[in-house]
Structures are given as structure tokens and as C-alpha cells.
Protein backbone atom coordinates (compact mmCIF):
# COMPACT_ATOMS: atom_id res chain seq x y z
CA MET A 1 62.62 104.84 118.77
CA THR A 2 61.34 108.26 117.68
CA ASP A 3 58.50 108.83 115.24
CA THR A 4 60.98 110.33 112.77
CA HIS A 5 63.16 107.21 112.91
CA VAL A 6 60.14 104.95 112.44
CA TYR A 7 59.01 107.01 109.45
CA ARG A 8 62.47 106.87 107.83
CA THR A 9 62.98 103.13 108.33
CA ARG A 10 59.46 101.84 107.70
CA VAL A 11 58.02 104.36 105.22
CA LEU A 12 60.61 106.54 103.50
CA GLY A 13 63.20 103.80 102.96
CA PRO A 14 60.76 101.35 101.32
CA LEU A 15 59.21 104.14 99.21
CA LEU A 16 62.65 105.18 97.94
CA MET A 17 63.48 101.55 97.18
CA CYS A 18 60.29 101.12 95.16
CA LEU A 19 61.10 104.32 93.28
CA THR A 20 64.61 102.98 92.61
CA CYS A 21 63.13 99.80 91.16
CA LEU A 22 60.85 101.83 88.91
CA CYS A 23 63.86 103.82 87.68
CA PHE A 24 65.86 100.66 86.93
CA ALA A 25 62.89 99.13 85.09
CA VAL A 26 62.50 102.31 83.02
CA LEU A 27 66.26 102.31 82.33
CA ASP A 28 66.16 98.70 81.09
CA THR A 29 63.16 99.53 78.92
CA LEU A 30 64.93 102.51 77.35
CA ILE A 31 68.08 100.45 76.80
CA LYS A 32 66.10 97.64 75.16
CA TYR A 33 64.39 100.18 72.90
CA LEU A 34 67.74 101.68 71.84
CA SER A 35 69.49 98.32 71.44
CA HIS A 36 67.72 97.70 68.12
CA ARG A 37 68.47 101.16 66.77
CA LEU A 38 72.06 102.07 67.74
CA PRO A 39 75.32 100.20 68.40
CA LEU A 40 75.19 98.68 71.88
CA THR A 41 78.57 100.07 72.95
CA GLU A 42 77.52 103.57 71.90
CA VAL A 43 74.31 103.34 73.94
CA ILE A 44 76.23 102.38 77.09
CA TRP A 45 78.90 105.06 76.54
CA VAL A 46 76.37 107.88 76.11
CA ARG A 47 74.41 106.63 79.11
CA TYR A 48 77.51 106.85 81.32
CA ALA A 49 78.59 110.18 79.80
CA VAL A 50 75.21 111.77 80.55
CA GLN A 51 75.19 110.32 84.08
CA THR A 52 78.72 111.62 84.78
CA LEU A 53 77.96 115.06 83.36
CA ALA A 54 74.75 115.33 85.38
CA ILE A 55 76.55 114.44 88.63
CA ALA A 56 79.31 116.95 87.87
CA VAL A 57 76.85 119.76 87.11
CA LEU A 58 74.77 119.09 90.23
CA PHE A 59 77.47 118.45 92.83
CA VAL A 60 80.82 119.95 91.76
CA PRO A 61 79.72 123.54 92.61
CA LYS A 62 79.02 122.42 96.19
CA MET A 63 81.66 119.75 96.76
CA LYS A 64 84.40 121.11 94.47
CA GLY A 65 87.58 119.00 94.64
CA ARG A 66 86.17 116.86 97.45
CA ILE A 67 84.01 115.05 94.92
CA LEU A 68 87.11 113.20 93.64
CA ARG A 69 88.52 112.38 97.08
CA THR A 70 88.54 108.62 97.68
CA ALA A 71 90.41 106.33 100.05
CA ASN A 72 89.84 103.32 97.80
CA PRO A 73 90.83 104.19 94.20
CA ARG A 74 91.43 100.57 93.21
CA LEU A 75 88.13 99.41 94.66
CA GLN A 76 86.37 102.33 92.96
CA ALA A 77 87.90 101.25 89.65
CA LEU A 78 86.90 97.61 90.28
CA ARG A 79 83.36 98.67 91.18
CA GLY A 80 83.13 100.75 88.01
CA MET A 81 84.41 97.87 85.87
CA CYS A 82 81.87 95.49 87.43
CA LEU A 83 79.00 97.83 86.65
CA LEU A 84 80.34 98.46 83.14
CA GLY A 85 80.52 94.71 82.58
CA ALA A 86 76.96 94.34 83.88
CA SER A 87 75.77 97.12 81.56
CA LEU A 88 77.39 95.60 78.47
CA LEU A 89 76.05 92.15 79.28
CA VAL A 90 72.51 93.24 80.12
CA ILE A 91 72.11 95.32 76.96
CA ASN A 92 73.10 92.27 74.91
CA GLY A 93 70.59 90.22 76.88
CA LEU A 94 67.82 92.77 76.51
CA SER A 95 68.38 92.93 72.75
CA ARG A 96 67.79 89.16 72.48
CA LEU A 97 65.42 88.23 75.32
CA PRO A 98 62.10 89.51 76.72
CA LEU A 99 62.35 92.31 79.30
CA THR A 100 60.56 90.56 82.18
CA GLU A 101 62.42 87.25 81.84
CA THR A 102 65.77 89.04 81.64
CA THR A 103 64.93 91.09 84.74
CA ALA A 104 63.97 87.94 86.65
CA VAL A 105 67.31 86.24 85.94
CA LEU A 106 69.12 89.37 87.18
CA PHE A 107 67.70 88.67 90.64
CA LEU A 108 70.13 85.79 90.97
CA ALA A 109 72.64 88.41 92.19
CA PRO A 110 71.69 88.16 95.92
CA LEU A 111 71.99 84.39 95.71
CA ILE A 112 75.42 84.63 94.03
CA ILE A 113 76.49 86.97 96.83
CA THR A 114 75.47 84.26 99.29
CA LEU A 115 77.64 81.70 97.50
CA LEU A 116 80.63 84.07 97.28
CA SER A 117 80.38 85.38 100.84
CA GLY A 118 81.99 82.20 102.17
CA PRO A 119 85.21 82.02 100.13
CA LEU A 120 85.63 85.80 99.64
CA LEU A 121 84.38 87.30 102.90
CA GLY A 122 84.92 84.35 105.24
CA GLU A 123 81.24 84.26 106.21
CA ARG A 124 79.60 80.98 107.21
CA ILE A 125 76.90 79.87 104.79
CA LYS A 126 73.88 78.66 106.76
CA PRO A 127 71.37 75.98 105.70
CA VAL A 128 68.76 78.67 104.94
CA ASP A 129 71.24 80.24 102.51
CA TRP A 130 71.64 76.96 100.62
CA ILE A 131 67.85 76.53 100.49
CA ALA A 132 67.46 80.03 99.02
CA VAL A 133 70.22 79.45 96.44
CA THR A 134 68.63 76.15 95.38
CA LEU A 135 65.21 77.79 95.07
CA GLY A 136 66.64 80.58 92.95
CA PHE A 137 68.32 78.10 90.60
CA VAL A 138 65.07 76.16 90.27
CA GLY A 139 63.25 79.42 89.47
CA VAL A 140 65.67 80.18 86.64
CA LEU A 141 65.23 76.66 85.24
CA VAL A 142 61.45 77.18 85.29
CA ILE A 143 61.79 80.44 83.35
CA VAL A 144 64.27 79.23 80.71
CA ARG A 145 62.55 75.81 80.48
CA PRO A 146 65.23 73.35 79.29
CA GLY A 147 64.11 72.39 75.82
CA GLY A 148 62.13 75.65 75.55
CA GLY A 149 62.74 78.81 73.55
CA LEU A 150 64.59 80.77 76.22
CA LEU A 151 67.31 78.19 76.87
CA THR A 152 69.79 79.56 74.32
CA TRP A 153 73.32 80.91 74.64
CA ALA A 154 71.73 84.38 75.06
CA ILE A 155 70.62 83.44 78.59
CA LEU A 156 74.31 83.70 79.55
CA PHE A 157 74.06 87.49 79.22
CA PRO A 158 71.64 88.07 82.15
CA VAL A 159 73.41 85.34 84.17
CA GLY A 160 76.73 87.14 83.59
CA THR A 161 75.04 90.41 84.52
CA ALA A 162 73.90 88.90 87.81
CA CYS A 163 77.48 87.77 88.53
CA CYS A 164 78.85 91.26 87.81
CA ASN A 165 76.14 92.84 89.96
CA ALA A 166 77.00 90.47 92.82
CA VAL A 167 80.67 91.47 92.80
CA TYR A 168 79.64 95.12 92.39
CA GLN A 169 77.46 94.92 95.51
CA MET A 170 80.16 93.13 97.50
CA VAL A 171 82.72 95.82 96.62
CA THR A 172 80.20 98.51 97.59
CA ARG A 173 79.60 96.72 100.91
CA SER A 174 83.36 96.68 101.57
CA PHE A 175 83.42 100.50 101.64
CA HIS A 176 81.53 100.43 104.97
CA SER A 177 80.12 103.96 104.35
CA ALA A 178 83.67 105.35 104.13
CA GLU A 179 83.03 106.78 100.66
CA HIS A 180 80.64 109.61 99.80
CA PRO A 181 77.81 108.21 97.60
CA VAL A 182 78.18 111.07 95.11
CA THR A 183 81.91 110.36 94.76
CA THR A 184 81.23 106.66 94.26
CA ASN A 185 78.60 107.30 91.59
CA LEU A 186 80.88 109.79 89.83
CA TYR A 187 83.73 107.28 89.63
CA THR A 188 81.32 104.62 88.40
CA GLY A 189 80.34 106.81 85.46
CA LEU A 190 83.91 107.94 84.78
CA VAL A 191 85.17 104.37 84.49
CA GLY A 192 82.53 103.58 81.87
CA VAL A 193 83.24 106.76 79.90
CA LEU A 194 87.04 106.33 79.90
CA VAL A 195 87.08 102.62 79.10
CA LEU A 196 84.64 102.85 76.18
CA ALA A 197 85.83 106.21 74.75
CA PRO A 198 88.57 104.68 72.51
CA LEU A 199 85.94 102.52 70.79
CA MET A 200 83.60 105.36 69.88
CA PRO A 201 85.31 106.42 66.59
CA PHE A 202 84.85 102.86 65.30
CA VAL A 203 81.23 102.26 66.33
CA TRP A 204 79.65 105.72 66.40
CA GLN A 205 76.38 106.13 64.54
CA TRP A 206 74.85 109.57 64.79
CA PRO A 207 71.52 109.32 66.66
CA THR A 208 68.33 110.98 65.45
CA ALA A 209 66.74 113.71 67.56
CA GLU A 210 64.36 111.15 69.08
CA GLN A 211 67.21 108.76 69.87
CA TRP A 212 69.21 111.58 71.49
CA GLY A 213 66.26 112.27 73.73
CA VAL A 214 66.00 108.62 74.78
CA LEU A 215 69.78 108.39 75.33
CA VAL A 216 69.82 111.46 77.56
CA LEU A 217 66.78 110.23 79.47
CA ALA A 218 68.48 106.84 80.01
CA GLY A 219 71.57 108.53 81.43
CA LEU A 220 69.53 110.73 83.76
CA VAL A 221 67.31 107.87 84.93
CA GLY A 222 70.34 105.64 85.55
CA GLY A 223 72.12 108.29 87.59
CA LEU A 224 68.93 109.03 89.53
CA ALA A 225 68.41 105.34 90.31
CA HIS A 226 71.90 104.91 91.75
CA TYR A 227 71.53 108.09 93.82
CA ILE A 228 68.09 107.18 95.19
CA ILE A 229 69.19 103.72 96.29
CA THR A 230 72.02 105.25 98.34
CA LYS A 231 69.46 107.50 100.06
CA ALA A 232 67.18 104.50 100.66
CA LEU A 233 70.04 102.63 102.33
CA GLU A 234 70.61 105.64 104.58
CA CYS A 235 67.05 105.19 105.87
CA SER A 236 66.78 101.40 106.15
CA SER A 237 69.06 98.36 106.14
CA ALA A 238 69.71 96.31 103.01
CA ALA A 239 67.90 93.34 104.60
CA ALA A 240 64.82 95.45 105.33
CA LEU A 241 64.76 96.85 101.79
CA GLY A 242 65.42 93.53 100.05
CA PRO A 243 61.79 92.43 99.65
CA TYR A 244 60.85 95.74 98.03
CA GLY A 245 63.46 95.17 95.33
CA TYR A 246 61.20 92.61 93.71
CA THR A 247 58.76 95.36 92.72
CA GLN A 248 61.13 95.80 89.75
CA LEU A 249 59.71 92.57 88.33
CA VAL A 250 56.22 94.06 88.39
CA TRP A 251 57.40 97.29 86.76
CA ALA A 252 59.32 95.29 84.12
CA ALA A 253 56.25 93.19 83.31
CA LEU A 254 54.04 96.29 82.96
CA LEU A 255 56.57 98.19 80.83
CA GLY A 256 57.28 95.10 78.74
CA PHE A 257 53.57 94.83 77.96
CA PHE A 258 52.85 98.52 77.30
CA VAL A 259 56.05 99.26 75.33
CA PHE A 260 56.82 95.98 73.58
CA GLY A 261 53.49 94.14 73.79
CA ALA A 262 55.12 91.18 75.60
CA LEU A 263 53.31 89.65 78.57
CA PRO A 264 54.89 86.74 80.50
CA ASP A 265 52.99 83.45 80.43
CA ALA A 266 51.89 81.46 83.49
CA VAL A 267 55.05 79.32 83.61
CA THR A 268 57.27 82.41 83.55
CA TRP A 269 55.28 83.96 86.42
CA LEU A 270 55.77 80.73 88.35
CA GLY A 271 59.54 80.96 87.85
CA ILE A 272 59.50 84.62 88.89
CA ALA A 273 57.57 83.70 92.03
CA VAL A 274 60.12 81.00 92.90
CA ILE A 275 63.08 83.38 92.44
CA ALA A 276 61.29 86.09 94.44
CA SER A 277 60.50 83.65 97.24
CA SER A 278 64.17 82.65 97.49
CA GLY A 279 65.24 86.27 97.84
CA LEU A 280 62.42 87.03 100.27
CA LEU A 281 63.46 84.05 102.38
CA LEU A 282 66.99 85.43 102.69
CA SER A 283 65.84 88.98 103.38
CA ILE A 284 63.34 87.98 106.07
CA TYR A 285 65.81 85.60 107.73
CA HIS A 286 68.58 88.20 107.95
CA LEU A 287 66.13 90.91 109.04
CA VAL A 288 64.80 88.75 111.91
CA ALA A 289 68.37 87.78 112.89
CA ALA A 290 69.41 91.42 112.95
CA ARG A 291 66.48 92.39 115.22
CA ARG A 292 67.28 89.56 117.64
CA SER A 293 70.95 90.51 117.93
């Protein structure tokens, strides 16, 4: 193993993953800020439009027509619809729930993937997988506290987002690196733009100059996050990067406090720790198994 390979897998990959998590936390913060000022559908549409335009401007001059070349058009469309569904659900969740708690529930996605990997991918679910799924469910119960203020119908939004993200990740995994990451991200944005475009004449509210700035920033940050995570996965495996994904919870807590003045209480931190431990258990187990094989 060369020094360059060690640097890429153990330093650059984790750094890029942490940067990705910061970008996603910033994106959720911007979306939550806009959700109380503009129609939710409009916010998502502009975010995808800016992301698609940015990718086209940056990569079409170099890739030209190759940027649209895909061997999996149906899967690309399904992937785009999953992410669009996740975006619509999470913005509704963020408009009704605290940022940190919503972010924590989103981390059910790896556990949902574990449950779906059996019936959909034919993979055998091991006892450690069931332990992790049970821990994750317990963590969510701790956060929403049955009988407490967070256990409302609005909690279905981040849970639905986690389900959409799980299918989105499984579709992405099925590509097996056969698709160029720029092409995949372009199609993701195009699906969102095309599906929501017919609704714009009915919901459009002209943003102020400040709101335009936040909308454009959200689109750029979202596109950057999806691009960086593909580069991180080129350096390290998903199992190796999994534990670093939980830095998004820290970023979300800090941004939630500084932007919205909301700081999670001790019980919420306990629930976050339980969810994080379930994901860490899965990541460490699969990482050790991969090194032994």
C-alpha cells in the first residue's frame, strides 16, 4: 500500500466526507430559513434549477454530449424521483420541526437499507444488522418521546425522507460505478426541474433580493455536496466513510443554535447518540468484514 493510497483512503476521503456533511447541514439550514418565507415547492424547484445550471456551465464545455450519455435512463429517473421526494418531504419536516431532531431522524436511512437489502437485493440480514436496526428505532423513540411534543404527524416527514434516501442510495449502489458522477448529478437535478416546472405558475411568489441570494446559495451548496460525496467515495469505501457521516449531526446542532437559537436538550442528545451508535455499529462491522475478506 503506497503512501498516496494511504493518504487518499485514511485522510482525504474522511475529510471530503466531513465537508460533505457540512454542506448538507448548511443546505438544510438554508432550506429551513426559506421554508417560512416562500412556497415550499418553489424553494425546491429553484434549488434544483440552480444545481442543474451550475453543473451544465461547469461540465458541458468539457464533456459536451457525453454528459447526457447513460446506460440506465430508467434508474436515473427513479433515482431523481427518490431524491425529489426526499427534498419535498424534508422541507416540510424542517418547516415544522427543529433542525437537529429532523437531521437525526434522517439517519434512519442506513438502517432502512439494511431492512430492504434482504427482500430487494437478496442479501442475508445478519444478527448484528437486526441489533443496529433495533437500536436506531429506539433512538428515534427517545427523540420523539411518545407523549412528548415531537410525536406529531409531522415526524412522518423526516421518516419518509429517510425511506426515500434509502431507496436513492440503493439505486445509486446498483450503478456499480458504470455511470459518470457528473451525469448522474445532472439527471438528478433535471428530474426535479422537469417534474415541478408545471406547478410553478400556480405557486410562484417573487423572491426578494435577499431570498434570491439564499436560493442560489442553496442550489450551489446542494450541487457541491453531491459532487464532493462522489469524490469521497472514490477515495474510500462507503463502510469506511460511514462513521464520518454523523458529523452532520454536530453541524446541524451548531447551525440550529446560531441561526435559529434552538439547542437540543439532554434527552434529544441521548437519542442522537443511540442512533449514531447503531450506524457506527454497522459501519465498523462491515469495515472489519471487508478487511478480513
